[in-house]
C-alpha atoms as a PDB file:
ATOM      1  CA  UNK A   1      -0.070   0.033   0.085  1.00  0.00           C
ATOM      2  CA  UNK A   2       1.363   3.504  -0.963  1.00  0.00           C
ATOM      3  CA  UNK A   3       0.230   7.085  -0.140  1.00  0.00           C
ATOM      4  CA  UNK A   4       0.941   9.934  -2.202  1.00  0.00           C
ATOM      5  CA  UNK A   5       0.281  13.554  -2.245  1.00  0.00           C
ATOM      6  CA  UNK A   6       1.209  16.992  -3.768  1.00  0.00           C
ATOM      7  CA  UNK A   7       2.478  18.943  -0.832  1.00  0.00           C
ATOM      8  CA  UNK A   8       5.417  20.907  -1.956  1.00  0.00           C
ATOM      9  CA  UNK A   9       5.722  22.442   1.638  1.00  0.00           C
ATOM     10  CA  UNK A  10       3.798  24.255   3.989  1.00  0.00           C
ATOM     11  CA  UNK A  11       0.935  26.386   2.593  1.00  0.00           C
ATOM     12  CA  UNK A  12       1.374  30.175   2.897  1.00  0.00           C
ATOM     13  CA  UNK A  13      -1.278  31.690   5.104  1.00  0.00           C
ATOM     14  CA  UNK A  14      -1.548  35.195   6.717  1.00  0.00           C
ATOM     15  CA  UNK A  15      -2.195  33.985  10.296  1.00  0.00           C
ATOM     16  CA  UNK A  16      -4.911  36.782  10.598  1.00  0.00           C
ATOM     17  CA  UNK A  17      -6.884  33.951  12.531  1.00  0.00           C
ATOM     18  CA  UNK A  18      -4.266  33.697  15.093  1.00  0.00           C
ATOM     19  CA  UNK A  19      -4.435  37.363  16.052  1.00  0.00           C
ATOM     20  CA  UNK A  20      -5.523  38.122  19.317  1.00  0.00           C
ATOM     21  CA  UNK A  21      -8.961  39.548  19.971  1.00  0.00           C
ATOM     22  CA  UNK A  22      -9.174  43.460  20.458  1.00  0.00           C
ATOM     23  CA  UNK A  23      -9.927  44.898  23.851  1.00  0.00           C
ATOM     24  CA  UNK A  24     -13.254  46.020  22.249  1.00  0.00           C
ATOM     25  CA  UNK A  25     -14.348  42.731  21.325  1.00  0.00           C
ATOM     26  CA  UNK A  26     -13.096  41.128  24.894  1.00  0.00           C
ATOM     27  CA  UNK A  27     -15.286  43.887  26.463  1.00  0.00           C
ATOM     28  CA  UNK A  28     -18.340  42.795  24.387  1.00  0.00           C
ATOM     29  CA  UNK A  29     -17.813  39.141  25.009  1.00  0.00           C
ATOM     30  CA  UNK A  30     -17.617  40.051  28.763  1.00  0.00           C
ATOM     31  CA  UNK A  31     -20.746  42.148  28.763  1.00  0.00           C
ATOM     32  CA  UNK A  32     -22.562  39.567  27.081  1.00  0.00           C
ATOM     33  CA  UNK A  33     -21.421  36.639  29.436  1.00  0.00           C
ATOM     34  CA  UNK A  34     -19.622  34.865  26.638  1.00  0.00           C
ATOM     35  CA  UNK A  35     -16.187  33.173  26.624  1.00  0.00           C
ATOM     36  CA  UNK A  36     -13.800  33.722  23.908  1.00  0.00           C
ATOM     37  CA  UNK A  37     -13.351  29.796  23.466  1.00  0.00           C
ATOM     38  CA  UNK A  38     -17.060  29.226  23.154  1.00  0.00           C
ATOM     39  CA  UNK A  39     -18.640  28.025  19.819  1.00  0.00           C
ATOM     40  CA  UNK A  40     -20.031  30.240  17.257  1.00  0.00           C
ATOM     41  CA  UNK A  41     -22.603  30.131  14.641  1.00  0.00           C
ATOM     42  CA  UNK A  42     -22.860  32.073  11.418  1.00  0.00           C
ATOM     43  CA  UNK A  43     -26.008  33.046   9.698  1.00  0.00           C
ATOM     44  CA  UNK A  44     -25.756  34.495   6.130  1.00  0.00           C
ATOM     45  CA  UNK A  45     -28.694  36.187   4.662  1.00  0.00           C
ATOM     46  CA  UNK A  46     -28.109  36.848   0.839  1.00  0.00           C
ATOM     47  CA  UNK A  47     -31.150  38.980   0.044  1.00  0.00           C
ATOM     48  CA  UNK A  48     -30.620  41.322   3.096  1.00  0.00           C
ATOM     49  CA  UNK A  49     -26.916  40.906   2.605  1.00  0.00           C
ATOM     50  CA  UNK A  50     -26.158  40.552   6.112  1.00  0.00           C
ATOM     51  CA  UNK A  51     -24.079  37.924   8.101  1.00  0.00           C
ATOM     52  CA  UNK A  52     -24.833  37.477  11.582  1.00  0.00           C
ATOM     53  CA  UNK A  53     -22.371  35.921  14.309  1.00  0.00           C
ATOM     54  CA  UNK A  54     -24.040  34.135  17.160  1.00  0.00           C
ATOM     55  CA  UNK A  55     -21.903  32.876  20.161  1.00  0.00           C
ATOM     56  CA  UNK A  56     -22.694  30.633  23.070  1.00  0.00           C
ATOM     57  CA  UNK A  57     -23.313  32.246  26.397  1.00  0.00           C
ATOM     58  CA  UNK A  58     -22.440  31.126  29.664  1.00  0.00           C
ATOM     59  CA  UNK A  59     -25.822  29.562  30.155  1.00  0.00           C
ATOM     60  CA  UNK A  60     -25.162  27.433  27.061  1.00  0.00           C
ATOM     61  CA  UNK A  61     -27.652  29.352  24.735  1.00  0.00           C
ATOM     62  CA  UNK A  62     -26.574  31.088  21.697  1.00  0.00           C
ATOM     63  CA  UNK A  63     -26.988  34.931  21.502  1.00  0.00           C
ATOM     64  CA  UNK A  64     -26.205  37.334  18.874  1.00  0.00           C
ATOM     65  CA  UNK A  65     -22.777  38.612  19.190  1.00  0.00           C
ATOM     66  CA  UNK A  66     -22.537  40.985  15.875  1.00  0.00           C
ATOM     67  CA  UNK A  67     -24.385  41.701  12.462  1.00  0.00           C
ATOM     68  CA  UNK A  68     -22.052  42.843   9.714  1.00  0.00           C
ATOM     69  CA  UNK A  69     -23.924  44.512   6.760  1.00  0.00           C
END
């Protein structure tokens, strides 16, 4: 049995996903009783051209974190 692939090295990424959260976002999370490690849910509304980010709060329920136009 053999396994082959086209790796060619490590993919180049910006690492933006690894940047720390801003103080403003951390304050918003604290005000809404949300932990930064909690799961998120993303809802996209094509006709309205909106994206919603929902995050699980300390009670285990998902609450709206932010809406992007």
